[in-house]
PDB file of N, CA and C in Angstrom:
ATOM      1  N   MET A   1     -13.282   2.965  10.902  1.00  0.00           N
ATOM      2  CA  MET A   1     -13.569   3.252   9.948  1.00  0.00           C
ATOM      3  C   MET A   1     -13.956   4.156   9.591  1.00  0.00           C
ATOM      4  N   ILE A   2     -13.079   5.279   8.654  1.00  0.00           N
ATOM      5  CA  ILE A   2     -13.236   6.756   8.709  1.00  0.00           C
ATOM      6  C   ILE A   2     -13.929   6.556   6.854  1.00  0.00           C
ATOM      7  N   SER A   3     -15.117   7.446   6.848  1.00  0.00           N
ATOM      8  CA  SER A   3     -15.681   7.620   5.202  1.00  0.00           C
ATOM      9  C   SER A   3     -14.703   8.994   4.389  1.00  0.00           C
ATOM     10  N   LEU A   4     -13.877   8.475   3.939  1.00  0.00           N
ATOM     11  CA  LEU A   4     -12.786   9.461   3.321  1.00  0.00           C
ATOM     12  C   LEU A   4     -13.979  10.603   2.377  1.00  0.00           C
ATOM     13  N   HIS A   5     -15.432  10.028   1.645  1.00  0.00           N
ATOM     14  CA  HIS A   5     -15.851  11.027   1.449  1.00  0.00           C
ATOM     15  C   HIS A   5     -16.976  12.133   1.911  1.00  0.00           C
ATOM     16  N   GLU A   6     -16.961  11.811   3.069  1.00  0.00           N
ATOM     17  CA  GLU A   6     -17.711  12.871   3.979  1.00  0.00           C
ATOM     18  C   GLU A   6     -16.984  14.086   4.510  1.00  0.00           C
ATOM     19  N   LEU A   7     -15.567  13.876   4.778  1.00  0.00           N
ATOM     20  CA  LEU A   7     -14.639  14.849   5.060  1.00  0.00           C
ATOM     21  C   LEU A   7     -14.675  16.005   3.402  1.00  0.00           C
ATOM     22  N   LYS A   8     -15.104  17.216   4.337  1.00  0.00           N
ATOM     23  CA  LYS A   8     -14.259  18.254   3.210  1.00  0.00           C
ATOM     24  C   LYS A   8     -12.606  18.475   3.374  1.00  0.00           C
ATOM     25  N   ARG A   9     -11.704  18.061   4.106  1.00  0.00           N
ATOM     26  CA  ARG A   9     -10.701  17.465   3.833  1.00  0.00           C
ATOM     27  C   ARG A   9      -9.834  16.446   4.964  1.00  0.00           C
ATOM     28  N   ILE A  10      -9.431  15.945   4.482  1.00  0.00           N
ATOM     29  CA  ILE A  10      -8.809  14.971   5.570  1.00  0.00           C
ATOM     30  C   ILE A  10      -7.677  15.613   6.587  1.00  0.00           C
ATOM     31  N   PRO A  11      -8.277  15.454   7.950  1.00  0.00           N
ATOM     32  CA  PRO A  11      -7.433  16.398   9.039  1.00  0.00           C
ATOM     33  C   PRO A  11      -5.828  15.653   9.115  1.00  0.00           C
ATOM     34  N   LEU A  12      -4.817  16.919   9.544  1.00  0.00           N
ATOM     35  CA  LEU A  12      -3.433  16.454   9.369  1.00  0.00           C
ATOM     36  C   LEU A  12      -3.260  15.131  10.068  1.00  0.00           C
ATOM     37  N   ALA A  13      -3.344  14.917  11.474  1.00  0.00           N
ATOM     38  CA  ALA A  13      -3.233  13.638  11.942  1.00  0.00           C
ATOM     39  C   ALA A  13      -3.438  12.343  11.089  1.00  0.00           C
ATOM     40  N   LEU A  14      -4.423  11.901  10.472  1.00  0.00           N
ATOM     41  CA  LEU A  14      -4.604  11.517   9.434  1.00  0.00           C
ATOM     42  C   LEU A  14      -3.765  11.051   7.799  1.00  0.00           C
ATOM     43  N   LYS A  15      -3.655  12.564   7.506  1.00  0.00           N
ATOM     44  CA  LYS A  15      -2.481  12.573   6.412  1.00  0.00           C
ATOM     45  C   LYS A  15      -1.518  12.353   6.526  1.00  0.00           C
ATOM     46  N   THR A  16      -0.712  12.965   8.078  1.00  0.00           N
ATOM     47  CA  THR A  16       0.763  12.341   8.727  1.00  0.00           C
ATOM     48  C   THR A  16       0.691  10.870   8.109  1.00  0.00           C
ATOM     49  N   LEU A  17      -0.680  10.409   9.009  1.00  0.00           N
ATOM     50  CA  LEU A  17      -0.387   8.390   9.064  1.00  0.00           C
ATOM     51  C   LEU A  17      -0.306   8.373   8.186  1.00  0.00           C
ATOM     52  N   LEU A  18      -1.196   8.006   6.736  1.00  0.00           N
ATOM     53  CA  LEU A  18      -0.757   7.973   5.945  1.00  0.00           C
ATOM     54  C   LEU A  18      -0.264   7.990   4.840  1.00  0.00           C
ATOM     55  N   ALA A  19       0.644   9.447   4.858  1.00  0.00           N
ATOM     56  CA  ALA A  19       1.858   9.185   4.235  1.00  0.00           C
ATOM     57  C   ALA A  19       3.117   8.742   5.144  1.00  0.00           C
ATOM     58  N   ASP A  20       2.936   7.809   6.326  1.00  0.00           N
ATOM     59  CA  ASP A  20       3.983   7.746   6.736  1.00  0.00           C
ATOM     60  C   ASP A  20       4.719   6.384   5.780  1.00  0.00           C
ATOM     61  N   VAL A  21       5.862   6.478   5.557  1.00  0.00           N
ATOM     62  CA  VAL A  21       6.554   6.079   4.909  1.00  0.00           C
ATOM     63  C   VAL A  21       6.970   4.161   5.487  1.00  0.00           C
ATOM     64  N   ARG A  22       6.435   4.247   6.936  1.00  0.00           N
ATOM     65  CA  ARG A  22       6.643   3.219   7.826  1.00  0.00           C
ATOM     66  C   ARG A  22       5.111   2.316   7.817  1.00  0.00           C
ATOM     67  N   VAL A  23       4.655   3.252   7.038  1.00  0.00           N
ATOM     68  CA  VAL A  23       2.726   2.429   6.996  1.00  0.00           C
ATOM     69  C   VAL A  23       2.512   1.778   5.674  1.00  0.00           C
ATOM     70  N   THR A  24       2.387   0.729   5.717  1.00  0.00           N
ATOM     71  CA  THR A  24       1.956  -0.320   4.482  1.00  0.00           C
ATOM     72  C   THR A  24       0.918  -0.812   4.567  1.00  0.00           C
ATOM     73  N   PHE A  25      -0.036  -0.150   3.498  1.00  0.00           N
ATOM     74  CA  PHE A  25      -1.272  -0.910   3.222  1.00  0.00           C
ATOM     75  C   PHE A  25      -1.242  -2.359   2.761  1.00  0.00           C
ATOM     76  N   ASN A  26      -1.749  -3.143   3.543  1.00  0.00           N
ATOM     77  CA  ASN A  26      -2.309  -4.504   3.045  1.00  0.00           C
ATOM     78  C   ASN A  26      -3.530  -4.692   2.616  1.00  0.00           C
ATOM     79  N   GLY A  27      -3.247  -5.878   1.719  1.00  0.00           N
ATOM     80  CA  GLY A  27      -4.672  -6.616   1.639  1.00  0.00           C
ATOM     81  C   GLY A  27      -4.558  -7.820   0.589  1.00  0.00           C
ATOM     82  N   SER A  28      -5.747  -8.004  -0.288  1.00  0.00           N
ATOM     83  CA  SER A  28      -5.859  -8.570  -1.634  1.00  0.00           C
ATOM     84  C   SER A  28      -6.211  -7.761  -2.545  1.00  0.00           C
ATOM     85  N   LYS A  29      -5.356  -7.448  -3.989  1.00  0.00           N
ATOM     86  CA  LYS A  29      -5.566  -6.635  -4.814  1.00  0.00           C
ATOM     87  C   LYS A  29      -5.591  -5.580  -3.983  1.00  0.00           C
ATOM     88  N   VAL A  30      -4.768  -4.714  -3.448  1.00  0.00           N
ATOM     89  CA  VAL A  30      -5.066  -2.961  -2.638  1.00  0.00           C
ATOM     90  C   VAL A  30      -4.517  -2.480  -3.636  1.00  0.00           C
ATOM     91  N   THR A  31      -3.164  -2.606  -4.463  1.00  0.00           N
ATOM     92  CA  THR A  31      -2.762  -1.164  -5.261  1.00  0.00           C
ATOM     93  C   THR A  31      -3.627  -0.645  -5.717  1.00  0.00           C
ATOM     94  N   GLY A  32      -4.114  -1.094  -5.981  1.00  0.00           N
ATOM     95  CA  GLY A  32      -5.393   0.468  -6.877  1.00  0.00           C
ATOM     96  C   GLY A  32      -5.843   0.887  -6.500  1.00  0.00           C
ATOM     97  N   GLY A  33      -6.260   0.489  -5.073  1.00  0.00           N
ATOM     98  CA  GLY A  33      -7.093   1.414  -3.925  1.00  0.00           C
ATOM     99  C   GLY A  33      -6.156   2.355  -3.191  1.00  0.00           C
ATOM    100  N   VAL A  34      -5.118   1.449  -3.147  1.00  0.00           N
ATOM    101  CA  VAL A  34      -3.544   2.637  -2.274  1.00  0.00           C
ATOM    102  C   VAL A  34      -3.288   3.734  -3.502  1.00  0.00           C
ATOM    103  N   SER A  35      -3.804   3.471  -4.897  1.00  0.00           N
ATOM    104  CA  SER A  35      -2.655   4.620  -5.710  1.00  0.00           C
ATOM    105  C   SER A  35      -4.160   5.553  -5.837  1.00  0.00           C
ATOM    106  N   ARG A  36      -5.175   5.014  -5.587  1.00  0.00           N
ATOM    107  CA  ARG A  36      -6.575   6.151  -5.324  1.00  0.00           C
ATOM    108  C   ARG A  36      -6.178   7.081  -4.521  1.00  0.00           C
ATOM    109  N   LEU A  37      -6.022   6.334  -3.120  1.00  0.00           N
ATOM    110  CA  LEU A  37      -6.152   7.155  -1.851  1.00  0.00           C
ATOM    111  C   LEU A  37      -4.618   7.953  -2.259  1.00  0.00           C
ATOM    112  N   ALA A  38      -3.637   7.480  -2.771  1.00  0.00           N
ATOM    113  CA  ALA A  38      -2.762   8.345  -2.934  1.00  0.00           C
ATOM    114  C   ALA A  38      -2.899  10.010  -3.501  1.00  0.00           C
ATOM    115  N   ARG A  39      -3.481   9.502  -4.602  1.00  0.00           N
ATOM    116  CA  ARG A  39      -3.830  10.602  -5.376  1.00  0.00           C
ATOM    117  C   ARG A  39      -4.865  11.424  -5.078  1.00  0.00           C
ATOM    118  N   ASP A  40      -5.898  11.201  -4.236  1.00  0.00           N
ATOM    119  CA  ASP A  40      -6.852  11.544  -3.810  1.00  0.00           C
ATOM    120  C   ASP A  40      -6.467  12.686  -2.366  1.00  0.00           C
ATOM    121  N   CYS A  41      -5.594  12.059  -1.443  1.00  0.00           N
ATOM    122  CA  CYS A  41      -4.781  12.317  -0.622  1.00  0.00           C
ATOM    123  C   CYS A  41      -3.647  12.995  -0.535  1.00  0.00           C
ATOM    124  N   THR A  42      -3.458  13.597  -1.779  1.00  0.00           N
ATOM    125  CA  THR A  42      -2.157  13.806  -2.116  1.00  0.00           C
ATOM    126  C   THR A  42      -0.595  13.037  -1.701  1.00  0.00           C
ATOM    127  N   LEU A  43      -0.830  11.761  -1.364  1.00  0.00           N
ATOM    128  CA  LEU A  43       0.563  11.400  -0.377  1.00  0.00           C
ATOM    129  C   LEU A  43       1.559  10.717  -1.688  1.00  0.00           C
ATOM    130  N   LYS A  44       2.750  11.647  -1.283  1.00  0.00           N
ATOM    131  CA  LYS A  44       4.361  10.994  -2.349  1.00  0.00           C
ATOM    132  C   LYS A  44       4.147   9.509  -2.261  1.00  0.00           C
ATOM    133  N   ASP A  45       4.765   8.616  -1.141  1.00  0.00           N
ATOM    134  CA  ASP A  45       5.196   7.395  -1.045  1.00  0.00           C
ATOM    135  C   ASP A  45       4.371   6.347  -0.390  1.00  0.00           C
ATOM    136  N   ALA A  46       3.154   6.565  -0.648  1.00  0.00           N
ATOM    137  CA  ALA A  46       1.931   5.605  -0.145  1.00  0.00           C
ATOM    138  C   ALA A  46       2.546   3.914  -0.733  1.00  0.00           C
ATOM    139  N   SER A  47       2.460   3.187   0.225  1.00  0.00           N
ATOM    140  CA  SER A  47       3.328   1.839   0.122  1.00  0.00           C
ATOM    141  C   SER A  47       1.928   1.050  -0.027  1.00  0.00           C
ATOM    142  N   SER A  48       2.056  -0.201  -0.934  1.00  0.00           N
ATOM    143  CA  SER A  48       1.140  -1.120  -0.686  1.00  0.00           C
ATOM    144  C   SER A  48       1.696  -2.572  -0.540  1.00  0.00           C
ATOM    145  N   ALA A  49       0.885  -4.236   0.227  1.00  0.00           N
ATOM    146  CA  ALA A  49       1.575  -5.253   0.111  1.00  0.00           C
ATOM    147  C   ALA A  49       0.506  -5.730  -0.367  1.00  0.00           C
ATOM    148  N   ASP A  50       0.437  -6.686  -1.670  1.00  0.00           N
ATOM    149  CA  ASP A  50      -0.853  -7.734  -2.428  1.00  0.00           C
ATOM    150  C   ASP A  50      -0.387  -8.692  -1.548  1.00  0.00           C
ATOM    151  N   LEU A  51      -1.024  -9.330  -0.608  1.00  0.00           N
ATOM    152  CA  LEU A  51      -1.032 -10.313  -0.096  1.00  0.00           C
ATOM    153  C   LEU A  51      -0.827 -11.783  -1.295  1.00  0.00           C
ATOM    154  N   ALA A  52      -1.663 -11.505  -2.262  1.00  0.00           N
ATOM    155  CA  ALA A  52      -1.862 -12.484  -3.168  1.00  0.00           C
ATOM    156  C   ALA A  52      -0.167 -12.250  -3.675  1.00  0.00           C
ATOM    157  N   ALA A  53       0.024 -11.130  -4.194  1.00  0.00           N
ATOM    158  CA  ALA A  53       1.187 -11.806  -5.064  1.00  0.00           C
ATOM    159  C   ALA A  53       1.933 -12.573  -4.052  1.00  0.00           C
ATOM    160  N   ARG A  54       2.448 -11.727  -2.611  1.00  0.00           N
ATOM    161  CA  ARG A  54       3.429 -12.102  -1.730  1.00  0.00           C
ATOM    162  C   ARG A  54       3.585 -13.225  -1.618  1.00  0.00           C
ATOM    163  N   ALA A  55       1.813 -14.049  -1.517  1.00  0.00           N
ATOM    164  CA  ALA A  55       1.602 -15.304  -1.096  1.00  0.00           C
ATOM    165  C   ALA A  55       2.110 -16.134  -2.761  1.00  0.00           C
ATOM    166  N   ASN A  56       1.782 -15.966  -3.937  1.00  0.00           N
ATOM    167  CA  ASN A  56       2.379 -16.635  -5.178  1.00  0.00           C
ATOM    168  C   ASN A  56       4.250 -16.276  -5.269  1.00  0.00           C
ATOM    169  N   GLU A  57       4.767 -15.278  -4.815  1.00  0.00           N
ATOM    170  CA  GLU A  57       6.169 -15.424  -4.845  1.00  0.00           C
ATOM    171  C   GLU A  57       6.734 -16.517  -4.258  1.00  0.00           C
ATOM    172  N   LEU A  58       5.177 -16.550  -2.495  1.00  0.00           N
ATOM    173  CA  LEU A  58       6.801 -17.357  -1.668  1.00  0.00           C
ATOM    174  C   LEU A  58       6.539 -18.935  -2.192  1.00  0.00           C
ATOM    175  N   GLY A  59       5.594 -18.983  -3.342  1.00  0.00           N
ATOM    176  CA  GLY A  59       5.240 -20.487  -3.710  1.00  0.00           C
ATOM    177  C   GLY A  59       3.864 -20.997  -2.184  1.00  0.00           C
ATOM    178  N   LEU A  60       3.189 -20.126  -1.840  1.00  0.00           N
ATOM    179  CA  LEU A  60       2.612 -20.726  -0.550  1.00  0.00           C
ATOM    180  C   LEU A  60       0.639 -21.039  -1.280  1.00  0.00           C
ATOM    181  N   LEU A  61       0.888 -20.161  -2.404  1.00  0.00           N
ATOM    182  CA  LEU A  61      -0.338 -20.892  -3.716  1.00  0.00           C
ATOM    183  C   LEU A  61      -0.394 -21.841  -4.612  1.00  0.00           C
ATOM    184  N   GLN A  62      -1.357 -22.787  -4.655  1.00  0.00           N
ATOM    185  CA  GLN A  62      -1.413 -23.705  -5.744  1.00  0.00           C
ATOM    186  C   GLN A  62      -1.548 -23.013  -6.697  1.00  0.00           C
ATOM    187  N   ARG A  63      -0.899 -23.547  -7.870  1.00  0.00           N
ATOM    188  CA  ARG A  63      -1.717 -23.154  -9.511  1.00  0.00           C
ATOM    189  C   ARG A  63      -3.337 -23.128  -9.698  1.00  0.00           C
ATOM    190  N   GLY A  64      -3.505 -22.636  -9.762  1.00  0.00           N
ATOM    191  CA  GLY A  64      -5.401 -22.230  -9.720  1.00  0.00           C
ATOM    192  C   GLY A  64      -5.937 -21.602  -8.616  1.00  0.00           C
ATOM    193  N   GLN A  65      -5.321 -22.053  -7.115  1.00  0.00           N
ATOM    194  CA  GLN A  65      -6.028 -21.331  -6.127  1.00  0.00           C
ATOM    195  C   GLN A  65      -6.287 -20.339  -6.342  1.00  0.00           C
ATOM    196  N   LYS A  66      -7.746 -19.966  -5.576  1.00  0.00           N
ATOM    197  CA  LYS A  66      -8.128 -18.373  -5.218  1.00  0.00           C
ATOM    198  C   LYS A  66      -7.002 -17.356  -4.732  1.00  0.00           C
ATOM    199  N   ARG A  67      -7.115 -16.176  -5.354  1.00  0.00           N
ATOM    200  CA  ARG A  67      -5.809 -15.501  -4.814  1.00  0.00           C
ATOM    201  C   ARG A  67      -6.776 -14.117  -3.966  1.00  0.00           C
ATOM    202  N   GLY A  68      -8.337 -14.518  -3.599  1.00  0.00           N
ATOM    203  CA  GLY A  68      -8.517 -13.246  -2.821  1.00  0.00           C
ATOM    204  C   GLY A  68      -8.552 -13.734  -1.531  1.00  0.00           C
ATOM    205  N   LEU A  69      -8.959 -12.498  -0.842  1.00  0.00           N
ATOM    206  CA  LEU A  69      -8.823 -12.115   0.677  1.00  0.00           C
ATOM    207  C   LEU A  69      -9.877 -13.366   1.396  1.00  0.00           C
ATOM    208  N   ASP A  70     -10.369 -14.089   1.121  1.00  0.00           N
ATOM    209  CA  ASP A  70     -11.348 -14.469   1.540  1.00  0.00           C
ATOM    210  C   ASP A  70     -10.813 -16.321   1.585  1.00  0.00           C
ATOM    211  N   ALA A  71      -9.927 -16.626  -0.109  1.00  0.00           N
ATOM    212  CA  ALA A  71      -9.520 -17.765  -0.307  1.00  0.00           C
ATOM    213  C   ALA A  71      -8.480 -18.081   0.657  1.00  0.00           C
ATOM    214  N   MET A  72      -7.816 -16.434   0.566  1.00  0.00           N
ATOM    215  CA  MET A  72      -6.208 -17.057   1.772  1.00  0.00           C
ATOM    216  C   MET A  72      -6.866 -16.718   3.060  1.00  0.00           C
ATOM    217  N   CYS A  73      -8.030 -16.225   3.676  1.00  0.00           N
ATOM    218  CA  CYS A  73      -8.134 -16.722   4.568  1.00  0.00           C
ATOM    219  C   CYS A  73      -8.537 -18.070   5.277  1.00  0.00           C
ATOM    220  N   ARG A  74      -9.172 -18.742   4.005  1.00  0.00           N
ATOM    221  CA  ARG A  74      -9.308 -20.214   4.325  1.00  0.00           C
ATOM    222  C   ARG A  74      -8.217 -20.950   4.182  1.00  0.00           C
ATOM    223  N   ILE A  75      -7.097 -20.811   3.800  1.00  0.00           N
ATOM    224  CA  ILE A  75      -6.198 -21.377   3.615  1.00  0.00           C
ATOM    225  C   ILE A  75      -5.099 -21.374   4.643  1.00  0.00           C
ATOM    226  N   PHE A  76      -5.043 -19.655   5.096  1.00  0.00           N
ATOM    227  CA  PHE A  76      -3.752 -20.036   5.704  1.00  0.00           C
ATOM    228  C   PHE A  76      -4.064 -19.482   7.171  1.00  0.00           C
ATOM    229  N   LEU A  77      -5.420 -19.140   7.267  1.00  0.00           N
ATOM    230  CA  LEU A  77      -5.775 -19.023   8.800  1.00  0.00           C
ATOM    231  C   LEU A  77      -7.324 -19.812   8.947  1.00  0.00           C
ATOM    232  N   SER A  78      -7.649 -20.826   8.346  1.00  0.00           N
ATOM    233  CA  SER A  78      -8.829 -21.479   8.765  1.00  0.00           C
ATOM    234  C   SER A  78     -10.357 -20.762   8.591  1.00  0.00           C
ATOM    235  N   LEU A  79     -10.414 -19.293   8.106  1.00  0.00           N
ATOM    236  CA  LEU A  79     -11.164 -18.997   8.550  1.00  0.00           C
ATOM    237  C   LEU A  79     -12.196 -18.385   7.221  1.00  0.00           C
ATOM    238  N   HIS A  80     -13.232 -18.217   7.463  1.00  0.00           N
ATOM    239  CA  HIS A  80     -14.063 -17.662   6.133  1.00  0.00           C
ATOM    240  C   HIS A  80     -14.718 -16.073   6.367  1.00  0.00           C
ATOM    241  N   ILE A  81     -14.726 -15.433   5.438  1.00  0.00           N
ATOM    242  CA  ILE A  81     -15.057 -13.824   5.833  1.00  0.00           C
ATOM    243  C   ILE A  81     -16.703 -13.859   5.272  1.00  0.00           C
ATOM    244  N   PRO A  82     -17.839 -13.898   6.016  1.00  0.00           N
ATOM    245  CA  PRO A  82     -19.081 -14.254   5.477  1.00  0.00           C
ATOM    246  C   PRO A  82     -19.969 -13.245   4.338  1.00  0.00           C
ATOM    247  N   ASN A  83     -20.463 -13.305   3.901  1.00  0.00           N
ATOM    248  CA  ASN A  83     -21.221 -12.011   2.880  1.00  0.00           C
ATOM    249  C   ASN A  83     -19.948 -11.387   2.323  1.00  0.00           C
ATOM    250  N   LYS A  84     -18.735 -12.238   2.151  1.00  0.00           N
ATOM    251  CA  LYS A  84     -18.049 -11.233   1.491  1.00  0.00           C
ATOM    252  C   LYS A  84     -18.484 -10.090   0.414  1.00  0.00           C
ATOM    253  N   ARG A  85     -18.857 -10.870  -0.753  1.00  0.00           N
ATOM    254  CA  ARG A  85     -19.336 -10.333  -1.950  1.00  0.00           C
ATOM    255  C   ARG A  85     -20.518  -9.485  -1.911  1.00  0.00           C
ATOM    256  N   GLU A  86     -21.285 -10.302  -1.026  1.00  0.00           N
ATOM    257  CA  GLU A  86     -22.765  -8.564  -0.605  1.00  0.00           C
ATOM    258  C   GLU A  86     -22.136  -7.402   0.042  1.00  0.00           C
ATOM    259  N   MET A  87     -21.195  -7.765   1.066  1.00  0.00           N
ATOM    260  CA  MET A  87     -20.793  -6.710   1.785  1.00  0.00           C
ATOM    261  C   MET A  87     -19.848  -6.049   0.602  1.00  0.00           C
ATOM    262  N   GLN A  88     -18.845  -6.038  -0.619  1.00  0.00           N
ATOM    263  CA  GLN A  88     -18.203  -5.866  -1.519  1.00  0.00           C
ATOM    264  C   GLN A  88     -19.212  -4.732  -1.911  1.00  0.00           C
ATOM    265  N   MET A  89     -20.419  -5.355  -2.483  1.00  0.00           N
ATOM    266  CA  MET A  89     -20.465  -4.637  -3.607  1.00  0.00           C
ATOM    267  C   MET A  89     -21.898  -4.062  -3.239  1.00  0.00           C
ATOM    268  N   SER A  90     -21.954  -3.627  -1.526  1.00  0.00           N
ATOM    269  CA  SER A  90     -22.619  -2.540  -0.630  1.00  0.00           C
ATOM    270  C   SER A  90     -22.525  -1.298  -0.829  1.00  0.00           C
ATOM    271  N   ASN A  91     -23.769  -0.856  -0.293  1.00  0.00           N
ATOM    272  CA  ASN A  91     -23.262   1.105  -0.391  1.00  0.00           C
ATOM    273  C   ASN A  91     -22.346   1.726   0.619  1.00  0.00           C
ATOM    274  N   TRP A  92     -20.843   1.891   0.198  1.00  0.00           N
ATOM    275  CA  TRP A  92     -19.789   2.422   1.302  1.00  0.00           C
ATOM    276  C   TRP A  92     -19.719   3.813   1.859  1.00  0.00           C
ATOM    277  N   GLU A  93     -20.762   4.468   0.855  1.00  0.00           N
ATOM    278  CA  GLU A  93     -21.138   5.900   0.813  1.00  0.00           C
ATOM    279  C   GLU A  93     -22.083   6.474   1.556  1.00  0.00           C
ATOM    280  N   ALA A  94     -22.777   5.158   2.481  1.00  0.00           N
ATOM    281  CA  ALA A  94     -24.053   5.404   2.902  1.00  0.00           C
ATOM    282  C   ALA A  94     -23.500   5.568   4.386  1.00  0.00           C
ATOM    283  N   THR A  95     -24.603   6.782   4.730  1.00  0.00           N
ATOM    284  CA  THR A  95     -24.091   7.277   6.357  1.00  0.00           C
ATOM    285  C   THR A  95     -25.610   6.966   6.802  1.00  0.00           C
ATOM    286  N   PRO A  96     -25.161   6.679   8.149  1.00  0.00           N
ATOM    287  CA  PRO A  96     -24.203   5.564   8.439  1.00  0.00           C
ATOM    288  C   PRO A  96     -24.164   4.449   7.830  1.00  0.00           C
ATOM    289  N   LEU A  97     -23.002   3.804   7.937  1.00  0.00           N
ATOM    290  CA  LEU A  97     -22.722   2.553   7.974  1.00  0.00           C
ATOM    291  C   LEU A  97     -23.374   1.462   8.321  1.00  0.00           C
ATOM    292  N   SER A  98     -24.052   0.127   7.280  1.00  0.00           N
ATOM    293  CA  SER A  98     -24.557  -0.365   8.382  1.00  0.00           C
ATOM    294  C   SER A  98     -24.081  -1.459   9.833  1.00  0.00           C
ATOM    295  N   ASP A  99     -24.248  -1.610  10.682  1.00  0.00           N
ATOM    296  CA  ASP A  99     -23.389  -3.394  11.817  1.00  0.00           C
ATOM    297  C   ASP A  99     -22.996  -3.982  10.858  1.00  0.00           C
ATOM    298  N   ALA A 100     -23.231  -4.536   9.580  1.00  0.00           N
ATOM    299  CA  ALA A 100     -22.572  -5.560   8.656  1.00  0.00           C
ATOM    300  C   ALA A 100     -21.210  -5.314   8.345  1.00  0.00           C
ATOM    301  N   GLN A 101     -21.916  -3.702   7.699  1.00  0.00           N
ATOM    302  CA  GLN A 101     -20.788  -3.489   6.560  1.00  0.00           C
ATOM    303  C   GLN A 101     -19.553  -3.387   7.832  1.00  0.00           C
ATOM    304  N   LEU A 102     -19.939  -2.265   8.898  1.00  0.00           N
ATOM    305  CA  LEU A 102     -18.659  -2.203   9.960  1.00  0.00           C
ATOM    306  C   LEU A 102     -17.904  -3.494  10.387  1.00  0.00           C
ATOM    307  N   GLN A 103     -18.585  -4.719  10.740  1.00  0.00           N
ATOM    308  CA  GLN A 103     -17.877  -5.893  10.844  1.00  0.00           C
ATOM    309  C   GLN A 103     -16.974  -6.603   9.304  1.00  0.00           C
ATOM    310  N   TYR A 104     -18.078  -6.282   8.974  1.00  0.00           N
ATOM    311  CA  TYR A 104     -16.808  -6.706   7.376  1.00  0.00           C
ATOM    312  C   TYR A 104     -15.671  -5.917   7.502  1.00  0.00           C
ATOM    313  N   GLY A 105     -15.707  -4.682   7.492  1.00  0.00           N
ATOM    314  CA  GLY A 105     -14.864  -3.325   7.493  1.00  0.00           C
ATOM    315  C   GLY A 105     -13.024  -4.189   8.219  1.00  0.00           C
ATOM    316  N   ALA A 106     -13.937  -4.423   9.797  1.00  0.00           N
ATOM    317  CA  ALA A 106     -12.877  -5.020  10.785  1.00  0.00           C
ATOM    318  C   ALA A 106     -12.213  -5.885  10.697  1.00  0.00           C
ATOM    319  N   MET A 107     -13.243  -6.968  10.047  1.00  0.00           N
ATOM    320  CA  MET A 107     -13.019  -8.461   9.984  1.00  0.00           C
ATOM    321  C   MET A 107     -11.639  -8.224   8.559  1.00  0.00           C
ATOM    322  N   ASP A 108     -11.809  -7.782   7.669  1.00  0.00           N
ATOM    323  CA  ASP A 108     -11.105  -7.518   6.279  1.00  0.00           C
ATOM    324  C   ASP A 108      -9.739  -6.976   6.762  1.00  0.00           C
ATOM    325  N   ALA A 109     -10.226  -5.793   7.624  1.00  0.00           N
ATOM    326  CA  ALA A 109      -8.439  -5.684   8.372  1.00  0.00           C
ATOM    327  C   ALA A 109      -7.565  -6.095   9.190  1.00  0.00           C
ATOM    328  N   VAL A 110      -8.466  -6.943  10.146  1.00  0.00           N
ATOM    329  CA  VAL A 110      -7.739  -8.275  10.881  1.00  0.00           C
ATOM    330  C   VAL A 110      -7.032  -9.023  10.211  1.00  0.00           C
ATOM    331  N   VAL A 111      -8.034  -9.807   9.381  1.00  0.00           N
ATOM    332  CA  VAL A 111      -7.017 -10.986   8.292  1.00  0.00           C
ATOM    333  C   VAL A 111      -6.412 -10.590   7.521  1.00  0.00           C
ATOM    334  N   SER A 112      -5.963  -8.940   7.163  1.00  0.00           N
ATOM    335  CA  SER A 112      -5.038  -8.608   5.961  1.00  0.00           C
ATOM    336  C   SER A 112      -3.824  -8.383   7.329  1.00  0.00           C
ATOM    337  N   VAL A 113      -3.516  -7.483   8.922  1.00  0.00           N
ATOM    338  CA  VAL A 113      -2.860  -7.874   9.327  1.00  0.00           C
ATOM    339  C   VAL A 113      -2.607  -9.437   9.807  1.00  0.00           C
ATOM    340  N   SER A 114      -3.400  -9.885   9.711  1.00  0.00           N
ATOM    341  CA  SER A 114      -2.803 -11.481  10.690  1.00  0.00           C
ATOM    342  C   SER A 114      -2.080 -12.045   9.383  1.00  0.00           C
ATOM    343  N   GLN A 115      -2.656 -12.092   8.473  1.00  0.00           N
ATOM    344  CA  GLN A 115      -1.948 -12.406   7.276  1.00  0.00           C
ATOM    345  C   GLN A 115      -0.574 -11.732   6.746  1.00  0.00           C
ATOM    346  N   ALA A 116      -0.251 -10.918   7.008  1.00  0.00           N
ATOM    347  CA  ALA A 116       0.961  -9.726   6.660  1.00  0.00           C
ATOM    348  C   ALA A 116       1.590 -10.587   7.685  1.00  0.00           C
ATOM    349  N   LEU A 117       1.224 -10.534   9.072  1.00  0.00           N
ATOM    350  CA  LEU A 117       2.046 -10.612   9.669  1.00  0.00           C
ATOM    351  C   LEU A 117       3.376 -11.948  10.225  1.00  0.00           C
ATOM    352  N   GLY A 118       1.327 -13.022  10.497  1.00  0.00           N
ATOM    353  CA  GLY A 118       1.384 -14.084  10.493  1.00  0.00           C
ATOM    354  C   GLY A 118       1.975 -14.794   9.090  1.00  0.00           C
ATOM    355  N   SER A 119       1.415 -15.371   8.600  1.00  0.00           N
ATOM    356  CA  SER A 119       1.554 -16.335   7.279  1.00  0.00           C
ATOM    357  C   SER A 119       2.474 -16.264   5.986  1.00  0.00           C
ATOM    358  N   LEU A 120       2.755 -14.687   6.134  1.00  0.00           N
ATOM    359  CA  LEU A 120       3.908 -14.542   5.035  1.00  0.00           C
ATOM    360  C   LEU A 120       4.776 -14.075   5.403  1.00  0.00           C
TER     361      LEU A 120
END
């Protein structure tokens, strides 16, 4: 995990990776975050894939089903992201991040990729 707010400038290697048109940011309701990242890092072609929107397009979610990442993990992967709300609301500008935040961030990344590659 990289705390971008702590960097005086984004290293060229990271900026190159984030700007690569082959890189797609996956997640649930990720579009706004990607837009902010693109603006803050001056990325031209940052692309995102909203997994909830894609699942809805494919008819994989029933009307009224929750579309958050935890809900989709339960439906498609039979997994539960523990303490999701608590972790989302935690201080992500803390230095260092807590072990729980690091575990949550890693799980969030893994399940986003798993859903993007496997279920959708």
